[in-house]
Amino acid sequence: MARRSTPRRSNNRAWQLLGVVCLVILGYFLISLSGLVVSQQKLDQQYEVLQSQVAALKAESAELEKEAQWLQTDEALETLAREELGWVKPGETGIVALAPTPTATAATTSSVRLSVGRQPNWERWWNLFFGD
């Protein structure tokens, strides 16, 4: 009877080895599949981002097309001439606003810069830390 138990053990070990090999192969395929699923999700996200960018660019293109059509009208030409070039119709009075010229402040700041620029570097540091 001792002889019969030996063949059964080797038969059981063969099945166990086959089971382990099948589990390893199954694990490999599951890991590969999970990598593909993650890649697909990333691609789907990129696709959605690109679709929203395309929609935004189409809207911008439509807006620019409207503006281009408007710029070809006489109303647009008149508006741009009034705003950009100061054009006035006959009988209208044009007003030009001038900004005040800051001549006094420019002279004061330049004299201060000259006096600071004439000090040696060590004197500027001394005055910075210890005062005049």
Protein backbone atom coordinates (compact mmCIF):
# COMPACT_ATOMS: atom_id res chain seq x y z
CA MET A 1 0.00 0.00 0.00
CA ALA A 2 2.90 2.31 0.37
CA ARG A 3 3.37 2.27 -3.36
CA ARG A 4 -0.11 3.64 -4.08
CA SER A 5 0.34 6.76 -1.92
CA THR A 6 3.42 7.90 -3.85
CA PRO A 7 1.72 8.30 -7.25
CA ARG A 8 -1.13 10.27 -5.69
CA ARG A 9 1.30 12.72 -4.09
CA SER A 10 3.07 13.43 -7.35
CA ASN A 11 -0.30 13.80 -9.06
CA ASN A 12 -1.44 16.30 -6.38
CA ARG A 13 1.79 18.28 -6.69
CA ALA A 14 1.36 18.51 -10.44
CA TRP A 15 -2.11 19.94 -9.96
CA GLN A 16 -0.86 22.37 -7.33
CA LEU A 17 1.94 23.50 -9.61
CA LEU A 18 -0.51 23.93 -12.47
CA GLY A 19 -2.80 25.95 -10.18
CA VAL A 20 0.06 28.24 -9.10
CA VAL A 21 1.12 28.78 -12.73
CA CYS A 22 -2.47 29.61 -13.69
CA LEU A 23 -2.72 32.10 -10.78
CA VAL A 24 0.52 33.79 -11.85
CA ILE A 25 -0.69 34.08 -15.44
CA LEU A 26 -4.08 35.36 -14.28
CA GLY A 27 -2.37 37.94 -12.03
CA TYR A 28 -0.21 39.12 -14.93
CA PHE A 29 -3.26 39.62 -17.13
CA LEU A 30 -5.14 41.46 -14.38
CA ILE A 31 -2.21 43.83 -13.81
CA SER A 32 -1.94 44.46 -17.55
CA LEU A 33 -5.67 45.07 -17.80
CA SER A 34 -5.63 47.53 -14.90
CA GLY A 35 -2.83 49.47 -16.61
CA LEU A 36 -4.91 49.66 -19.78
CA VAL A 37 -7.95 50.87 -17.83
CA VAL A 38 -5.91 53.64 -16.18
CA SER A 39 -4.51 54.69 -19.57
CA GLN A 40 -8.00 54.75 -21.04
CA GLN A 41 -9.25 56.98 -18.21
CA LYS A 42 -6.38 59.42 -18.75
CA LEU A 43 -7.11 59.50 -22.47
CA ASP A 44 -10.80 60.15 -21.78
CA GLN A 45 -9.90 63.07 -19.51
CA GLN A 46 -7.58 64.53 -22.14
CA TYR A 47 -10.32 64.10 -24.74
CA GLU A 48 -12.79 66.05 -22.58
CA VAL A 49 -10.26 68.84 -22.01
CA LEU A 50 -9.56 69.05 -25.73
CA GLN A 51 -13.27 69.08 -26.54
CA SER A 52 -13.80 72.03 -24.18
CA GLN A 53 -10.85 73.84 -25.76
CA VAL A 54 -12.30 73.22 -29.22
CA ALA A 55 -15.67 74.59 -28.09
CA ALA A 56 -14.00 77.69 -26.63
CA LEU A 57 -12.00 78.25 -29.81
CA LYS A 58 -15.13 77.87 -31.94
CA ALA A 59 -16.92 80.46 -29.82
CA GLU A 60 -13.93 82.81 -30.11
CA SER A 61 -13.81 82.24 -33.85
CA ALA A 62 -17.50 83.07 -34.18
CA GLU A 63 -16.99 86.23 -32.12
CA LEU A 64 -14.05 87.27 -34.29
CA GLU A 65 -16.07 86.57 -37.43
CA LYS A 66 -18.85 88.85 -36.15
CA GLU A 67 -16.30 91.55 -35.37
CA ALA A 68 -14.73 91.20 -38.81
CA GLN A 69 -18.15 91.60 -40.44
CA TRP A 70 -18.90 94.62 -38.26
CA LEU A 71 -15.55 96.23 -39.13
CA GLN A 72 -16.53 96.14 -42.80
CA THR A 73 -19.55 98.40 -42.20
CA ASP A 74 -19.68 102.20 -42.46
CA GLU A 75 -20.77 102.43 -38.81
CA ALA A 76 -17.57 100.71 -37.69
CA LEU A 77 -15.45 102.97 -39.87
CA GLU A 78 -17.09 106.06 -38.36
CA THR A 79 -16.78 104.74 -34.80
CA LEU A 80 -13.10 103.91 -35.19
CA ALA A 81 -12.38 107.26 -36.84
CA ARG A 82 -14.05 109.09 -33.94
CA GLU A 83 -12.41 107.04 -31.17
CA GLU A 84 -8.93 106.47 -32.58
CA LEU A 85 -8.33 109.48 -34.80
CA GLY A 86 -10.51 112.15 -33.14
CA TRP A 87 -12.64 112.67 -36.26
CA VAL A 88 -15.62 115.04 -35.92
CA LYS A 89 -18.51 115.62 -38.29
CA PRO A 90 -19.06 119.05 -39.81
CA GLY A 91 -20.89 121.22 -37.28
CA GLU A 92 -19.57 119.32 -34.24
CA THR A 93 -16.97 120.67 -31.84
CA GLY A 94 -14.04 118.44 -30.96
CA ILE A 95 -12.41 118.57 -27.53
CA VAL A 96 -8.85 117.44 -26.86
CA ALA A 97 -7.89 116.82 -23.24
CA LEU A 98 -4.23 117.34 -22.44
CA ALA A 99 -2.50 115.78 -19.45
CA PRO A 100 -0.55 118.14 -17.17
CA THR A 101 3.19 118.05 -17.65
CA PRO A 102 5.09 117.07 -14.46
CA THR A 103 8.14 119.29 -15.02
CA ALA A 104 8.64 120.36 -11.38
CA THR A 105 8.66 116.86 -9.97
CA ALA A 106 11.06 115.57 -12.62
CA ALA A 107 13.61 118.24 -11.77
CA THR A 108 13.45 117.47 -8.05
CA THR A 109 13.87 113.75 -8.44
CA SER A 110 16.77 114.10 -10.86
CA SER A 111 18.63 116.41 -8.42
CA VAL A 112 18.09 113.90 -5.60
CA ARG A 113 19.39 111.11 -7.77
CA LEU A 114 22.48 113.10 -8.66
CA SER A 115 23.29 113.86 -5.03
CA VAL A 116 22.87 110.22 -4.03
CA GLY A 117 24.87 109.03 -7.02
CA ARG A 118 27.86 111.25 -6.07
CA GLN A 119 28.30 109.70 -2.61
CA PRO A 120 30.79 106.89 -2.31
CA ASN A 121 29.28 103.53 -1.65
CA TRP A 122 30.67 103.24 1.89
CA GLU A 123 29.06 106.59 2.83
CA ARG A 124 25.68 105.42 1.56
CA TRP A 125 25.95 102.28 3.73
CA TRP A 126 27.11 104.33 6.73
CA ASN A 127 24.17 106.72 6.32
CA LEU A 128 21.77 103.83 5.89
CA PHE A 129 22.78 102.12 9.14
CA PHE A 130 23.91 105.02 11.35
CA GLY A 131 22.13 108.07 9.89
CA ASP A 132 23.66 111.35 8.74
